[in-house]
Amino acid sequence: MLSVTFNVDHKSSKELHQYLAALAEQCSNAPEADCPLVVILDNLHHVGSLGEIFNGLFNCNHQRCPYIIGTMSQATSSSPNLQLHHNFRWVLCANHVEPVKGFLGRFLRRRLIETEIGSRSRNVELVKIIDWIPRVWQHLNRFLETHSSSDVTIGPRLFLSCPMDVEGSRVWFTDLWNYSIIPYMLEAVREGLQLYGRRAPWEDPAAWVIESCPWSTTPPPGDWPPLLKLRPEDVGFDGYSAPREGMRKEPAQSDSDADPLMSMLMRLKEAATSSSPQSYDSDSNSNSHQEDLLDSSLESTL
């Protein structure tokens, strides 16, 4: 057995720990056992504590211990501990540099060539689609870096399953955009704006996608869902907020309401003149005293 791949998710941490513990025991107690040479652990960022996961494996014989290759979308708090104490090495594979930058294009072109060889035909429209998908990926990541950070950029895996036919790829991309990309970008940009604030003018990422899409201009069927847009009010950009149904817009405040000093002066004036005519006639001295208080209050405030 050369390699084993384990896809990690939020619910499989316990299962992964049990597998690695059994593997460590197998390597230590049964030297002749058919142990894998390489163990690939995908999506390790879903694991809460990497140290606990690898605890049993660290104690086995290093000569028999398989090589472990793990992937994660972002570093965790236990990553430095693994590097310092357990001989792990971290290799950064950013989406904007090779080999990741060109991986999506190479992968899709290889699949396209395999399809063309099998069908012995070349579909020009499908070629345009395959060239367009990597551009969409880079366009989305530039948008995420602009309004959030490179930590939340999208990896190429999301686009690897593009079907190698024109209509199938259209259905696939529409579902991917509406149900995966837009919900993820909405949350990522919303958190980015809360952390970093507004750093660039707003531009809907769907605008370029809709304008440059390679599918024919023939309108889709009536029940075909359009590509969703990402509106600034959806993410709280620059104070925008989505209006709620059944709520009317409040009128704008006047200058006196917006200015606390002027508001206080107006309340003092209303308090001084709130006496009724009867009390004014019966107690003019008290009213005069209130005016004196108002004057002194204005002088002290100003």
Protein backbone atom coordinates (compact mmCIF):
# COMPACT_ATOMS: atom_id res chain seq x y z
CA MET A 1 0.00 0.00 0.00
CA LEU A 2 1.57 3.27 -1.12
CA SER A 3 -0.78 5.96 0.14
CA VAL A 4 -4.00 6.54 2.07
CA THR A 5 -6.15 9.67 1.79
CA PHE A 6 -8.38 10.81 4.65
CA ASN A 7 -10.80 13.68 4.04
CA VAL A 8 -11.31 15.49 7.35
CA ASP A 9 -14.51 17.30 8.28
CA HIS A 10 -16.07 18.68 11.47
CA LYS A 11 -17.49 15.31 12.47
CA SER A 12 -14.55 13.03 11.64
CA SER A 13 -11.92 14.24 14.15
CA LYS A 14 -12.55 11.31 16.49
CA GLU A 15 -12.44 8.85 13.63
CA LEU A 16 -9.15 10.34 12.40
CA HIS A 17 -7.63 10.08 15.88
CA GLN A 18 -8.63 6.42 16.12
CA TYR A 19 -7.20 5.68 12.68
CA LEU A 20 -3.84 7.31 13.45
CA ALA A 21 -3.63 5.57 16.83
CA ALA A 22 -4.29 2.20 15.19
CA LEU A 23 -1.73 3.00 12.51
CA ALA A 24 0.89 3.87 15.14
CA GLU A 25 0.24 0.61 16.99
CA GLN A 26 0.46 -1.33 13.75
CA CYS A 27 3.78 0.26 12.81
CA SER A 28 5.26 -0.38 16.28
CA ASN A 29 4.01 -3.91 17.02
CA ALA A 30 3.87 -5.43 13.54
CA PRO A 31 6.96 -4.39 11.57
CA GLU A 32 6.06 -6.69 8.70
CA ALA A 33 2.56 -5.28 8.37
CA ASP A 34 1.56 -3.59 5.15
CA CYS A 35 1.64 0.01 6.38
CA PRO A 36 1.13 2.88 3.94
CA LEU A 37 4.17 4.91 2.98
CA VAL A 38 2.20 8.17 2.78
CA VAL A 39 -0.93 9.32 4.63
CA ILE A 40 -2.69 12.33 3.09
CA LEU A 41 -4.93 14.25 5.49
CA ASP A 42 -7.06 16.75 3.62
CA ASN A 43 -8.75 19.79 5.26
CA LEU A 44 -6.92 19.65 8.60
CA HIS A 45 -8.27 23.10 9.47
CA HIS A 46 -11.47 21.33 10.56
CA VAL A 47 -9.58 19.71 13.45
CA GLY A 48 -9.73 21.58 16.76
CA SER A 49 -6.41 20.39 18.24
CA LEU A 50 -3.78 18.96 15.91
CA GLY A 51 -1.58 17.94 18.84
CA GLU A 52 -4.24 15.61 20.23
CA ILE A 53 -4.89 14.09 16.81
CA PHE A 54 -1.23 13.18 16.25
CA ASN A 55 -0.43 12.30 19.87
CA GLY A 56 -0.34 8.53 19.39
CA LEU A 57 1.55 8.68 16.12
CA PHE A 58 4.43 10.70 17.57
CA ASN A 59 5.51 7.83 19.84
CA CYS A 60 5.90 5.15 17.19
CA ASN A 61 9.15 4.12 15.49
CA HIS A 62 10.09 6.82 13.00
CA GLN A 63 11.61 4.25 10.66
CA ARG A 64 8.22 2.63 10.24
CA CYS A 65 6.08 5.74 10.58
CA PRO A 66 4.57 6.84 7.25
CA TYR A 67 5.05 10.29 5.83
CA ILE A 68 2.11 12.52 6.67
CA ILE A 69 0.98 15.18 4.22
CA GLY A 70 -1.72 17.46 5.54
CA THR A 71 -3.57 20.31 3.84
CA MET A 72 -5.38 23.21 5.47
CA SER A 73 -6.81 26.47 4.23
CA GLN A 74 -5.40 28.50 7.13
CA ALA A 75 -3.03 28.05 10.05
CA THR A 76 -4.37 27.06 13.45
CA SER A 77 -3.08 27.93 16.90
CA SER A 78 -1.42 24.51 17.29
CA SER A 79 0.50 24.74 14.01
CA PRO A 80 3.68 26.30 15.51
CA ASN A 81 3.75 23.60 18.21
CA LEU A 82 3.79 20.85 15.59
CA GLN A 83 6.58 22.56 13.68
CA LEU A 84 8.78 23.12 16.74
CA HIS A 85 8.34 19.82 18.57
CA HIS A 86 7.25 17.19 16.07
CA ASN A 87 9.35 17.79 12.95
CA PHE A 88 6.50 19.10 10.82
CA ARG A 89 7.30 21.46 7.97
CA TRP A 90 4.82 23.92 6.54
CA VAL A 91 4.77 24.83 2.85
CA LEU A 92 2.68 27.84 1.86
CA CYS A 93 0.70 27.34 -1.35
CA ALA A 94 -1.06 30.65 -1.95
CA ASN A 95 -3.76 30.95 -4.58
CA HIS A 96 -2.00 33.80 -6.39
CA VAL A 97 1.38 32.06 -6.93
CA GLU A 98 2.43 28.84 -8.61
CA PRO A 99 1.86 25.95 -8.48
CA VAL A 100 -1.68 26.75 -7.29
CA LYS A 101 -2.24 29.78 -9.52
CA GLY A 102 -2.20 27.82 -12.77
CA PHE A 103 -3.42 24.50 -11.42
CA LEU A 104 -7.10 25.01 -12.24
CA GLY A 105 -6.40 25.92 -15.85
CA ARG A 106 -4.03 22.98 -16.33
CA PHE A 107 -6.46 20.53 -14.74
CA LEU A 108 -9.47 21.63 -16.80
CA ARG A 109 -7.49 21.71 -20.06
CA ARG A 110 -6.27 18.18 -19.43
CA ARG A 111 -9.84 17.00 -18.89
CA LEU A 112 -10.91 18.84 -22.03
CA ILE A 113 -8.21 17.13 -24.09
CA GLU A 114 -9.25 13.74 -22.73
CA THR A 115 -12.86 14.49 -23.70
CA GLU A 116 -11.86 15.61 -27.19
CA ILE A 117 -9.77 12.49 -27.71
CA GLY A 118 -12.65 10.29 -26.62
CA SER A 119 -15.21 12.02 -28.84
CA ARG A 120 -12.77 12.81 -31.69
CA SER A 121 -14.31 16.26 -31.98
CA ARG A 122 -13.55 19.78 -30.79
CA ASN A 123 -16.21 22.07 -29.33
CA VAL A 124 -15.13 25.69 -29.64
CA GLU A 125 -17.75 26.92 -27.16
CA LEU A 126 -16.58 24.40 -24.56
CA VAL A 127 -13.00 25.60 -25.06
CA LYS A 128 -14.13 29.15 -24.23
CA ILE A 129 -15.86 27.90 -21.08
CA ILE A 130 -12.76 26.06 -19.89
CA ASP A 131 -10.64 29.17 -20.47
CA TRP A 132 -13.20 31.35 -18.68
CA ILE A 133 -13.56 29.34 -15.44
CA PRO A 134 -10.00 30.12 -14.16
CA ARG A 135 -10.60 33.81 -14.90
CA VAL A 136 -13.75 33.72 -12.75
CA TRP A 137 -11.78 32.11 -9.93
CA GLN A 138 -9.11 34.84 -10.05
CA HIS A 139 -11.77 37.55 -10.31
CA LEU A 140 -13.51 36.32 -7.16
CA ASN A 141 -10.27 36.08 -5.19
CA ARG A 142 -9.28 39.62 -6.14
CA PHE A 143 -12.66 40.79 -4.86
CA LEU A 144 -12.21 38.87 -1.59
CA GLU A 145 -8.70 40.26 -1.08
CA THR A 146 -10.00 43.79 -1.72
CA HIS A 147 -12.84 43.67 0.79
CA SER A 148 -11.42 41.11 3.24
CA SER A 149 -8.04 39.35 3.12
CA SER A 150 -6.14 36.59 1.33
CA ASP A 151 -7.02 34.23 4.20
CA VAL A 152 -10.57 33.85 2.87
CA THR A 153 -9.78 33.39 -0.83
CA ILE A 154 -11.32 30.42 -2.62
CA GLY A 155 -9.23 27.41 -3.57
CA PRO A 156 -9.33 25.81 -7.04
CA ARG A 157 -11.05 22.63 -5.84
CA LEU A 158 -14.47 24.26 -6.02
CA PHE A 159 -14.20 24.46 -9.83
CA LEU A 160 -12.56 21.12 -10.62
CA SER A 161 -15.87 19.33 -11.17
CA CYS A 162 -16.91 21.45 -14.17
CA PRO A 163 -18.74 19.15 -16.63
CA MET A 164 -17.19 18.73 -20.06
CA ASP A 165 -20.32 19.69 -21.99
CA VAL A 166 -21.82 23.09 -22.73
CA GLU A 167 -25.30 22.77 -21.22
CA GLY A 168 -24.13 20.71 -18.28
CA SER A 169 -21.48 23.28 -17.42
CA ARG A 170 -24.11 26.03 -17.50
CA VAL A 171 -26.34 24.21 -15.02
CA TRP A 172 -23.33 23.37 -12.85
CA PHE A 173 -22.02 26.94 -12.73
CA THR A 174 -25.43 28.47 -11.98
CA ASP A 175 -25.94 26.14 -9.02
CA LEU A 176 -22.37 26.65 -7.84
CA TRP A 177 -22.71 30.43 -8.01
CA ASN A 178 -26.10 30.74 -6.34
CA TYR A 179 -25.77 28.09 -3.63
CA SER A 180 -22.05 28.01 -2.81
CA ILE A 181 -20.11 31.04 -4.02
CA ILE A 182 -22.54 33.86 -3.18
CA PRO A 183 -23.39 32.59 0.36
CA TYR A 184 -19.70 32.14 1.13
CA MET A 185 -18.69 35.54 -0.24
CA LEU A 186 -21.52 37.26 1.62
CA GLU A 187 -20.23 36.01 4.97
CA ALA A 188 -16.56 36.50 4.11
CA VAL A 189 -17.00 40.09 2.91
CA ARG A 190 -19.30 40.96 5.82
CA GLU A 191 -16.68 39.80 8.32
CA GLY A 192 -13.93 41.51 6.33
CA LEU A 193 -15.72 44.85 6.43
CA GLN A 194 -16.20 44.51 10.18
CA LEU A 195 -12.49 43.78 10.69
CA TYR A 196 -10.85 46.09 8.15
CA GLY A 197 -13.54 48.58 7.19
CA ARG A 198 -14.16 50.01 3.75
CA ARG A 199 -10.97 50.00 1.67
CA ALA A 200 -12.19 50.31 -1.92
CA PRO A 201 -15.29 51.34 -3.89
CA TRP A 202 -17.98 48.70 -4.19
CA GLU A 203 -18.33 46.70 -7.39
CA ASP A 204 -20.68 43.76 -7.64
CA PRO A 205 -18.58 40.68 -8.56
CA ALA A 206 -21.54 39.29 -10.50
CA ALA A 207 -21.44 42.18 -12.98
CA TRP A 208 -18.26 41.00 -14.71
CA VAL A 209 -19.36 37.36 -14.54
CA ILE A 210 -22.68 38.09 -16.24
CA GLU A 211 -21.06 40.34 -18.83
CA SER A 212 -18.28 37.91 -19.78
CA CYS A 213 -20.06 34.54 -19.48
CA PRO A 214 -19.13 32.34 -22.46
CA TRP A 215 -22.46 30.62 -22.96
CA SER A 216 -24.55 31.59 -25.95
CA THR A 217 -26.73 34.66 -25.73
CA THR A 218 -29.83 32.48 -26.14
CA PRO A 219 -31.97 33.18 -23.06
CA PRO A 220 -32.36 30.22 -20.72
CA PRO A 221 -35.78 28.65 -20.05
CA GLY A 222 -38.29 30.57 -17.96
CA ASP A 223 -37.72 28.46 -14.87
CA TRP A 224 -33.96 28.89 -15.08
CA PRO A 225 -32.62 30.76 -12.02
CA PRO A 226 -30.56 33.87 -12.82
CA LEU A 227 -27.16 34.47 -11.26
CA LEU A 228 -27.55 36.14 -7.89
CA LYS A 229 -25.89 39.48 -7.23
CA LEU A 230 -24.00 40.63 -4.15
CA ARG A 231 -25.47 43.96 -3.06
CA PRO A 232 -23.64 46.39 -0.76
CA GLU A 233 -26.53 46.47 1.70
CA ASP A 234 -26.32 42.69 2.06
CA VAL A 235 -22.84 42.90 3.57
CA GLY A 236 -23.16 46.21 5.44
CA PHE A 237 -20.89 48.13 3.09
CA ASP A 238 -20.42 51.77 4.16
CA GLY A 239 -23.39 51.80 6.52
CA TYR A 240 -25.87 50.22 4.12
CA SER A 241 -28.47 47.96 5.65
CA ALA A 242 -31.14 45.90 3.99
CA PRO A 243 -34.64 47.39 4.59
CA ARG A 244 -37.08 45.19 6.47
CA GLU A 245 -40.55 44.55 5.17
CA GLY A 246 -43.34 46.45 6.89
CA MET A 247 -41.03 49.14 8.22
CA ARG A 248 -41.28 52.68 6.93
CA LYS A 249 -38.29 54.91 6.59
CA GLU A 250 -37.91 57.34 9.48
CA PRO A 251 -37.72 61.03 8.56
CA ALA A 252 -34.34 62.67 8.73
CA GLN A 253 -33.46 64.45 11.93
CA SER A 254 -33.43 68.21 11.96
CA ASP A 255 -30.28 70.14 12.73
CA SER A 256 -31.46 70.85 16.27
CA ASP A 257 -32.07 67.12 16.90
CA ALA A 258 -28.66 66.20 15.57
CA ASP A 259 -26.88 68.90 17.63
CA PRO A 260 -27.00 68.02 21.37
CA LEU A 261 -26.13 71.58 22.45
CA MET A 262 -28.95 73.12 20.46
CA SER A 263 -31.32 70.41 21.68
CA MET A 264 -30.52 71.23 25.31
CA LEU A 265 -31.01 74.96 24.75
CA MET A 266 -34.39 74.36 23.14
CA ARG A 267 -35.51 72.22 26.09
CA LEU A 268 -34.47 74.96 28.51
CA LYS A 269 -36.44 77.51 26.53
CA GLU A 270 -39.52 75.27 26.47
CA ALA A 271 -39.26 74.75 30.23
CA ALA A 272 -39.08 78.49 30.82
CA THR A 273 -42.15 79.27 28.70
CA SER A 274 -44.29 76.27 29.64
CA SER A 275 -46.22 78.17 32.37
CA SER A 276 -49.94 78.66 31.68
CA PRO A 277 -51.46 82.20 31.33
CA GLN A 278 -53.15 81.85 34.73
CA SER A 279 -49.94 81.15 36.54
CA TYR A 280 -48.24 83.93 34.59
CA ASP A 281 -50.81 86.46 35.77
CA SER A 282 -50.71 85.29 39.36
CA ASP A 283 -46.98 84.94 39.72
CA SER A 284 -45.08 87.23 37.40
CA ASN A 285 -42.11 87.27 39.73
CA SER A 286 -41.69 83.50 39.39
CA ASN A 287 -41.74 83.79 35.60
CA SER A 288 -39.16 86.54 35.76
CA HIS A 289 -37.04 84.29 37.94
CA GLN A 290 -37.28 81.49 35.33
CA GLU A 291 -36.10 83.87 32.62
CA ASP A 292 -33.13 84.80 34.81
CA LEU A 293 -32.34 81.10 35.21
CA LEU A 294 -32.56 80.62 31.45
CA ASP A 295 -30.19 83.50 30.78
CA SER A 296 -27.68 82.20 33.32
CA SER A 297 -27.97 78.67 31.90
CA LEU A 298 -27.34 79.94 28.37
CA GLU A 299 -24.32 81.93 29.50
CA SER A 300 -22.80 78.97 31.38
CA THR A 301 -23.45 76.59 28.48
CA LEU A 302 -22.04 78.91 25.82
